[in-house]
Amino acid sequence: MLSRGLANRLLSQRNMSAWNPRDHLPQDIKQLLQKPSPNYPLALFDILHKLKLQRRTGWINNGIQNPESISDHMYRMSIMSWILNSKGIDTARCMKISLAHDMAESIVGDITPFDKKIGKEEKHHRELSTIEFLCKEIVEPYNPEAAKDLLAAWLEYEDQTTLEAKYVKDLDKFEMLVQCFEYEKIYEGKKDLSQFYGCVKDITTDEVSGWTRNLLAEREEYFNSLK
């Protein structure tokens, strides 16, 4: 029997574009992969370099100067995963999921829910095609077990099939809120970023909910100090 996530993907594929991640690779990476003895590790590392350069779209759209990169976001999420203190949680798995969940954006880019040109299903299609390409055609020839684990971690997050995936989903939102509050302080409360706090209601795991309440209390105290 197909999982709900897989079934939904198969149903939606008929309406998707002919997105091919190979068409969006920089020429130097294509050359690495076309050599008689392809340098798979270097090709992967060069692709991941794009995560260092790609700034998070939500901050750009709100006029934040020199905003964080995608890799900045993923790194702090992995540290948050590491220090989770909830019983029954595999923190190492949470770290892997945190590092995998936005990896496809190295080629796809950071598509937000407010993007009118690319819908949710198309975004998923492009990211799934890209992570499968990265795992099966670049990582697998070098390390098949790592490729399998990386793809599984990405799907785990996307389909929310484990408790670890649910925690990481909450950390994705919480890390954004931490960053948001940091920007609010940098701009001395003069930039309205309140729209980002709409995700608070969607954070459900106990520990991350507690972190969120503490963050909101600090934020309230900060804004009261400005009055």
C-alpha atoms as a PDB file:
ATOM      1  CA  MET A   1       0.000   0.000   0.000  1.00  0.00           C
ATOM      2  CA  LEU A   2       1.346   3.441  -0.975  1.00  0.00           C
ATOM      3  CA  SER A   3       2.027   6.037   1.693  1.00  0.00           C
ATOM      4  CA  ARG A   4      -0.209   9.091   1.565  1.00  0.00           C
ATOM      5  CA  GLY A   5       2.772  11.266   0.598  1.00  0.00           C
ATOM      6  CA  LEU A   6       3.789   8.998  -2.272  1.00  0.00           C
ATOM      7  CA  ALA A   7       0.202   8.636  -3.473  1.00  0.00           C
ATOM      8  CA  ASN A   8      -0.254  12.406  -3.518  1.00  0.00           C
ATOM      9  CA  ARG A   9       2.975  12.843  -5.455  1.00  0.00           C
ATOM     10  CA  LEU A  10       1.933  10.309  -8.091  1.00  0.00           C
ATOM     11  CA  LEU A  11      -1.477  11.938  -8.477  1.00  0.00           C
ATOM     12  CA  SER A  12      -0.041  15.403  -8.925  1.00  0.00           C
ATOM     13  CA  GLN A  13       2.754  14.508 -11.354  1.00  0.00           C
ATOM     14  CA  ARG A  14       0.458  14.687 -14.385  1.00  0.00           C
ATOM     15  CA  ASN A  15      -0.020  18.431 -13.805  1.00  0.00           C
ATOM     16  CA  MET A  16       3.616  19.275 -13.198  1.00  0.00           C
ATOM     17  CA  SER A  17       6.089  21.034 -15.451  1.00  0.00           C
ATOM     18  CA  ALA A  18       8.946  19.290 -17.202  1.00  0.00           C
ATOM     19  CA  TRP A  19      11.393  20.575 -14.575  1.00  0.00           C
ATOM     20  CA  ASN A  20      14.803  18.933 -14.942  1.00  0.00           C
ATOM     21  CA  PRO A  21      17.470  19.885 -12.380  1.00  0.00           C
ATOM     22  CA  ARG A  22      20.223  19.026 -14.876  1.00  0.00           C
ATOM     23  CA  ASP A  23      19.112  22.004 -16.971  1.00  0.00           C
ATOM     24  CA  HIS A  24      19.864  24.329 -14.047  1.00  0.00           C
ATOM     25  CA  LEU A  25      23.365  23.173 -13.170  1.00  0.00           C
ATOM     26  CA  PRO A  26      26.203  25.660 -13.667  1.00  0.00           C
ATOM     27  CA  GLN A  27      28.507  24.735 -16.536  1.00  0.00           C
ATOM     28  CA  ASP A  28      31.509  24.023 -14.314  1.00  0.00           C
ATOM     29  CA  ILE A  29      29.534  21.429 -12.362  1.00  0.00           C
ATOM     30  CA  LYS A  30      28.277  19.838 -15.577  1.00  0.00           C
ATOM     31  CA  GLN A  31      31.907  19.503 -16.670  1.00  0.00           C
ATOM     32  CA  LEU A  32      32.833  17.747 -13.412  1.00  0.00           C
ATOM     33  CA  LEU A  33      30.058  15.216 -13.996  1.00  0.00           C
ATOM     34  CA  GLN A  34      30.902  14.679 -17.678  1.00  0.00           C
ATOM     35  CA  LYS A  35      34.530  13.693 -17.132  1.00  0.00           C
ATOM     36  CA  PRO A  36      35.547  10.073 -17.803  1.00  0.00           C
ATOM     37  CA  SER A  37      35.981   9.756 -14.036  1.00  0.00           C
ATOM     38  CA  PRO A  38      33.396  12.162 -12.591  1.00  0.00           C
ATOM     39  CA  ASN A  39      34.381  13.968  -9.410  1.00  0.00           C
ATOM     40  CA  TYR A  40      31.123  13.337  -7.566  1.00  0.00           C
ATOM     41  CA  PRO A  41      32.102  14.697  -4.129  1.00  0.00           C
ATOM     42  CA  LEU A  42      33.399  17.984  -5.536  1.00  0.00           C
ATOM     43  CA  ALA A  43      30.305  18.345  -7.727  1.00  0.00           C
ATOM     44  CA  LEU A  44      28.076  17.940  -4.666  1.00  0.00           C
ATOM     45  CA  PHE A  45      30.117  20.354  -2.576  1.00  0.00           C
ATOM     46  CA  ASP A  46      30.059  22.968  -5.351  1.00  0.00           C
ATOM     47  CA  ILE A  47      26.277  22.631  -5.647  1.00  0.00           C
ATOM     48  CA  LEU A  48      25.882  23.045  -1.883  1.00  0.00           C
ATOM     49  CA  HIS A  49      27.958  26.210  -2.116  1.00  0.00           C
ATOM     50  CA  LYS A  50      24.889  27.787  -3.711  1.00  0.00           C
ATOM     51  CA  LEU A  51      23.116  27.479  -0.352  1.00  0.00           C
ATOM     52  CA  LYS A  52      25.724  29.849   1.093  1.00  0.00           C
ATOM     53  CA  LEU A  53      25.010  32.412  -1.609  1.00  0.00           C
ATOM     54  CA  GLN A  54      21.204  32.164  -1.807  1.00  0.00           C
ATOM     55  CA  ARG A  55      19.603  34.674   0.549  1.00  0.00           C
ATOM     56  CA  ARG A  56      16.279  33.784   2.130  1.00  0.00           C
ATOM     57  CA  THR A  57      13.524  35.231  -0.031  1.00  0.00           C
ATOM     58  CA  GLY A  58      11.197  36.263   2.785  1.00  0.00           C
ATOM     59  CA  TRP A  59      13.772  38.650   4.221  1.00  0.00           C
ATOM     60  CA  ILE A  60      14.670  40.073   0.820  1.00  0.00           C
ATOM     61  CA  ASN A  61      10.993  40.757   0.129  1.00  0.00           C
ATOM     62  CA  ASN A  62      10.810  42.692   3.400  1.00  0.00           C
ATOM     63  CA  GLY A  63      13.793  44.902   2.712  1.00  0.00           C
ATOM     64  CA  ILE A  64      16.281  43.287   5.101  1.00  0.00           C
ATOM     65  CA  GLN A  65      19.796  44.316   4.165  1.00  0.00           C
ATOM     66  CA  ASN A  66      22.306  41.459   3.769  1.00  0.00           C
ATOM     67  CA  PRO A  67      19.905  38.797   5.091  1.00  0.00           C
ATOM     68  CA  GLU A  68      20.804  35.271   6.145  1.00  0.00           C
ATOM     69  CA  SER A  69      21.486  32.570   3.580  1.00  0.00           C
ATOM     70  CA  ILE A  70      19.714  29.242   3.298  1.00  0.00           C
ATOM     71  CA  SER A  71      22.758  27.494   4.778  1.00  0.00           C
ATOM     72  CA  ASP A  72      22.733  29.928   7.733  1.00  0.00           C
ATOM     73  CA  HIS A  73      19.168  28.846   8.456  1.00  0.00           C
ATOM     74  CA  MET A  74      19.935  25.132   8.117  1.00  0.00           C
ATOM     75  CA  TYR A  75      23.043  25.326  10.300  1.00  0.00           C
ATOM     76  CA  ARG A  76      21.272  26.920  13.252  1.00  0.00           C
ATOM     77  CA  MET A  77      18.390  24.458  12.878  1.00  0.00           C
ATOM     78  CA  SER A  78      20.901  21.602  13.152  1.00  0.00           C
ATOM     79  CA  ILE A  79      22.285  23.042  16.399  1.00  0.00           C
ATOM     80  CA  MET A  80      18.748  23.460  17.728  1.00  0.00           C
ATOM     81  CA  SER A  81      18.141  19.801  16.829  1.00  0.00           C
ATOM     82  CA  TRP A  82      21.304  18.783  18.657  1.00  0.00           C
ATOM     83  CA  ILE A  83      20.247  20.341  21.962  1.00  0.00           C
ATOM     84  CA  LEU A  84      16.649  19.082  21.991  1.00  0.00           C
ATOM     85  CA  ASN A  85      15.941  17.554  25.387  1.00  0.00           C
ATOM     86  CA  SER A  86      12.629  15.767  24.818  1.00  0.00           C
ATOM     87  CA  LYS A  87      12.360  12.118  25.771  1.00  0.00           C
ATOM     88  CA  GLY A  88      12.229   9.619  22.951  1.00  0.00           C
ATOM     89  CA  ILE A  89      13.721  11.965  20.362  1.00  0.00           C
ATOM     90  CA  ASP A  90      16.630  10.857  18.171  1.00  0.00           C
ATOM     91  CA  THR A  91      18.518  14.161  18.031  1.00  0.00           C
ATOM     92  CA  ALA A  92      21.056  12.818  15.526  1.00  0.00           C
ATOM     93  CA  ARG A  93      18.179  12.046  13.162  1.00  0.00           C
ATOM     94  CA  CYS A  94      16.756  15.510  13.738  1.00  0.00           C
ATOM     95  CA  MET A  95      20.120  16.993  12.782  1.00  0.00           C
ATOM     96  CA  LYS A  96      20.211  14.983   9.564  1.00  0.00           C
ATOM     97  CA  ILE A  97      16.674  16.030   8.657  1.00  0.00           C
ATOM     98  CA  SER A  98      17.529  19.673   9.382  1.00  0.00           C
ATOM     99  CA  LEU A  99      20.532  19.518   7.068  1.00  0.00           C
ATOM    100  CA  ALA A 100      18.585  17.731   4.325  1.00  0.00           C
ATOM    101  CA  HIS A 101      15.264  19.563   4.323  1.00  0.00           C
ATOM    102  CA  ASP A 102      16.290  22.589   2.219  1.00  0.00           C
ATOM    103  CA  MET A 103      19.102  20.991   0.226  1.00  0.00           C
ATOM    104  CA  ALA A 104      17.113  21.016  -3.020  1.00  0.00           C
ATOM    105  CA  GLU A 105      17.011  24.807  -2.826  1.00  0.00           C
ATOM    106  CA  SER A 106      20.647  24.779  -3.931  1.00  0.00           C
ATOM    107  CA  ILE A 107      19.256  24.315  -7.448  1.00  0.00           C
ATOM    108  CA  VAL A 108      15.563  25.209  -7.142  1.00  0.00           C
ATOM    109  CA  GLY A 109      16.041  28.390  -5.106  1.00  0.00           C
ATOM    110  CA  ASP A 110      13.995  29.607  -2.136  1.00  0.00           C
ATOM    111  CA  ILE A 111      10.345  29.587  -3.241  1.00  0.00           C
ATOM    112  CA  THR A 112       7.979  31.123  -0.694  1.00  0.00           C
ATOM    113  CA  PRO A 113       4.218  30.491  -0.281  1.00  0.00           C
ATOM    114  CA  PHE A 114       3.690  34.031  -1.574  1.00  0.00           C
ATOM    115  CA  ASP A 115       5.218  33.265  -4.971  1.00  0.00           C
ATOM    116  CA  LYS A 116       2.343  33.689  -7.430  1.00  0.00           C
ATOM    117  CA  LYS A 117       4.176  32.041 -10.328  1.00  0.00           C
ATOM    118  CA  ILE A 118       5.001  28.740  -8.631  1.00  0.00           C
ATOM    119  CA  GLY A 119       2.318  26.910  -6.667  1.00  0.00           C
ATOM    120  CA  LYS A 120       2.787  24.515  -3.766  1.00  0.00           C
ATOM    121  CA  GLU A 121       2.551  21.363  -5.915  1.00  0.00           C
ATOM    122  CA  GLU A 122       4.988  22.705  -8.496  1.00  0.00           C
ATOM    123  CA  LYS A 123       7.416  23.692  -5.732  1.00  0.00           C
ATOM    124  CA  HIS A 124       7.241  20.184  -4.303  1.00  0.00           C
ATOM    125  CA  HIS A 125       7.705  18.647  -7.752  1.00  0.00           C
ATOM    126  CA  ARG A 126      10.830  20.699  -8.452  1.00  0.00           C
ATOM    127  CA  GLU A 127      12.343  20.006  -5.049  1.00  0.00           C
ATOM    128  CA  LEU A 128      11.580  16.275  -5.191  1.00  0.00           C
ATOM    129  CA  SER A 129      13.074  16.008  -8.684  1.00  0.00           C
ATOM    130  CA  THR A 130      16.155  17.850  -7.485  1.00  0.00           C
ATOM    131  CA  ILE A 131      16.774  15.873  -4.293  1.00  0.00           C
ATOM    132  CA  GLU A 132      16.325  12.622  -6.234  1.00  0.00           C
ATOM    133  CA  PHE A 133      18.843  13.862  -8.800  1.00  0.00           C
ATOM    134  CA  LEU A 134      21.349  14.855  -6.123  1.00  0.00           C
ATOM    135  CA  CYS A 135      20.999  11.581  -4.236  1.00  0.00           C
ATOM    136  CA  LYS A 136      20.757   9.108  -7.080  1.00  0.00           C
ATOM    137  CA  GLU A 137      23.092  10.659  -9.644  1.00  0.00           C
ATOM    138  CA  ILE A 138      25.726  12.415  -7.555  1.00  0.00           C
ATOM    139  CA  VAL A 139      25.841  10.920  -4.050  1.00  0.00           C
ATOM    140  CA  GLU A 140      24.914   7.306  -4.867  1.00  0.00           C
ATOM    141  CA  PRO A 141      27.831   6.621  -7.260  1.00  0.00           C
ATOM    142  CA  TYR A 142      30.193   7.605  -4.452  1.00  0.00           C
ATOM    143  CA  ASN A 143      28.330   6.395  -1.334  1.00  0.00           C
ATOM    144  CA  PRO A 144      25.069   4.468  -1.895  1.00  0.00           C
ATOM    145  CA  GLU A 145      24.199   4.242   1.805  1.00  0.00           C
ATOM    146  CA  ALA A 146      24.580   7.991   2.293  1.00  0.00           C
ATOM    147  CA  ALA A 147      22.415   8.633  -0.763  1.00  0.00           C
ATOM    148  CA  LYS A 148      19.680   6.383   0.577  1.00  0.00           C
ATOM    149  CA  ASP A 149      19.776   8.003   4.023  1.00  0.00           C
ATOM    150  CA  LEU A 150      19.803  11.538   2.641  1.00  0.00           C
ATOM    151  CA  LEU A 151      16.785  10.946   0.426  1.00  0.00           C
ATOM    152  CA  ALA A 152      14.961   9.194   3.262  1.00  0.00           C
ATOM    153  CA  ALA A 153      15.602  12.152   5.579  1.00  0.00           C
ATOM    154  CA  TRP A 154      14.231  14.594   3.005  1.00  0.00           C
ATOM    155  CA  LEU A 155      11.110  12.486   2.418  1.00  0.00           C
ATOM    156  CA  GLU A 156      10.682  11.997   6.174  1.00  0.00           C
ATOM    157  CA  TYR A 157      10.474  15.760   6.584  1.00  0.00           C
ATOM    158  CA  GLU A 158       8.292  16.313   3.539  1.00  0.00           C
ATOM    159  CA  ASP A 159       5.771  13.615   4.481  1.00  0.00           C
ATOM    160  CA  GLN A 160       6.012  14.224   8.263  1.00  0.00           C
ATOM    161  CA  THR A 161       6.168  10.497   8.934  1.00  0.00           C
ATOM    162  CA  THR A 162       8.129  10.539  12.220  1.00  0.00           C
ATOM    163  CA  LEU A 163       8.222  12.423  15.484  1.00  0.00           C
ATOM    164  CA  GLU A 164      11.691  13.685  14.566  1.00  0.00           C
ATOM    165  CA  ALA A 165      10.303  15.164  11.345  1.00  0.00           C
ATOM    166  CA  LYS A 166       7.571  16.935  13.293  1.00  0.00           C
ATOM    167  CA  TYR A 167      10.103  18.455  15.664  1.00  0.00           C
ATOM    168  CA  VAL A 168      12.240  19.646  12.752  1.00  0.00           C
ATOM    169  CA  LYS A 169       9.164  21.154  11.087  1.00  0.00           C
ATOM    170  CA  ASP A 170       8.612  23.164  14.258  1.00  0.00           C
ATOM    171  CA  LEU A 171      12.290  24.100  14.414  1.00  0.00           C
ATOM    172  CA  ASP A 172      12.048  25.395  10.853  1.00  0.00           C
ATOM    173  CA  LYS A 173       9.408  27.862  12.037  1.00  0.00           C
ATOM    174  CA  PHE A 174      11.095  28.619  15.348  1.00  0.00           C
ATOM    175  CA  GLU A 175      14.468  29.388  13.759  1.00  0.00           C
ATOM    176  CA  MET A 176      12.713  31.832  11.455  1.00  0.00           C
ATOM    177  CA  LEU A 177      11.114  33.517  14.483  1.00  0.00           C
ATOM    178  CA  VAL A 178      14.480  33.794  16.240  1.00  0.00           C
ATOM    179  CA  GLN A 179      15.921  35.381  13.112  1.00  0.00           C
ATOM    180  CA  CYS A 180      12.905  37.654  12.797  1.00  0.00           C
ATOM    181  CA  PHE A 181      13.329  38.961  16.347  1.00  0.00           C
ATOM    182  CA  GLU A 182      17.028  39.532  15.673  1.00  0.00           C
ATOM    183  CA  TYR A 183      16.151  41.660  12.644  1.00  0.00           C
ATOM    184  CA  GLU A 184      13.532  43.555  14.637  1.00  0.00           C
ATOM    185  CA  LYS A 185      16.232  44.465  17.138  1.00  0.00           C
ATOM    186  CA  ILE A 186      18.710  45.419  14.412  1.00  0.00           C
ATOM    187  CA  TYR A 187      16.119  47.795  12.959  1.00  0.00           C
ATOM    188  CA  GLU A 188      15.254  49.013  16.474  1.00  0.00           C
ATOM    189  CA  GLY A 189      11.610  48.004  16.169  1.00  0.00           C
ATOM    190  CA  LYS A 190      11.009  50.260  13.169  1.00  0.00           C
ATOM    191  CA  LYS A 191      10.497  47.490  10.596  1.00  0.00           C
ATOM    192  CA  ASP A 192       7.162  45.673  10.678  1.00  0.00           C
ATOM    193  CA  LEU A 193       7.852  41.939  10.507  1.00  0.00           C
ATOM    194  CA  SER A 194       4.751  40.897  12.438  1.00  0.00           C
ATOM    195  CA  GLN A 195       3.467  38.819   9.505  1.00  0.00           C
ATOM    196  CA  PHE A 196       6.077  36.154  10.254  1.00  0.00           C
ATOM    197  CA  TYR A 197       4.610  35.459  13.687  1.00  0.00           C
ATOM    198  CA  GLY A 198       1.476  33.948  12.149  1.00  0.00           C
ATOM    199  CA  CYS A 199       3.242  30.571  12.222  1.00  0.00           C
ATOM    200  CA  VAL A 200       3.296  30.476  16.044  1.00  0.00           C
ATOM    201  CA  LYS A 201      -0.069  28.693  16.130  1.00  0.00           C
ATOM    202  CA  ASP A 202       1.334  25.903  13.954  1.00  0.00           C
ATOM    203  CA  ILE A 203       4.139  24.986  16.367  1.00  0.00           C
ATOM    204  CA  THR A 204       2.827  21.979  18.276  1.00  0.00           C
ATOM    205  CA  THR A 205       5.675  19.993  19.867  1.00  0.00           C
ATOM    206  CA  ASP A 206       6.032  20.646  23.593  1.00  0.00           C
ATOM    207  CA  GLU A 207       9.686  21.660  23.767  1.00  0.00           C
ATOM    208  CA  VAL A 208       9.694  23.934  20.740  1.00  0.00           C
ATOM    209  CA  SER A 209       6.399  25.454  21.890  1.00  0.00           C
ATOM    210  CA  GLY A 210       8.119  26.298  25.171  1.00  0.00           C
ATOM    211  CA  TRP A 211      11.031  27.905  23.351  1.00  0.00           C
ATOM    212  CA  THR A 212       8.540  29.904  21.312  1.00  0.00           C
ATOM    213  CA  ARG A 213       6.673  31.189  24.369  1.00  0.00           C
ATOM    214  CA  ASN A 214       9.962  32.324  25.894  1.00  0.00           C
ATOM    215  CA  LEU A 215      10.946  34.048  22.660  1.00  0.00           C
ATOM    216  CA  LEU A 216       7.617  35.880  22.479  1.00  0.00           C
ATOM    217  CA  ALA A 217       8.019  37.003  26.090  1.00  0.00           C
ATOM    218  CA  GLU A 218      11.464  38.415  25.295  1.00  0.00           C
ATOM    219  CA  ARG A 219      10.050  40.139  22.231  1.00  0.00           C
ATOM    220  CA  GLU A 220       7.227  41.699  24.208  1.00  0.00           C
ATOM    221  CA  GLU A 221       9.669  42.939  26.830  1.00  0.00           C
ATOM    222  CA  TYR A 222      11.868  44.422  24.096  1.00  0.00           C
ATOM    223  CA  PHE A 223       9.058  46.322  22.399  1.00  0.00           C
ATOM    224  CA  ASN A 224       7.760  47.570  25.735  1.00  0.00           C
ATOM    225  CA  SER A 225      11.240  48.975  26.415  1.00  0.00           C
ATOM    226  CA  LEU A 226      10.945  51.070  23.258  1.00  0.00           C
ATOM    227  CA  LYS A 227       7.777  52.840  24.385  1.00  0.00           C
END
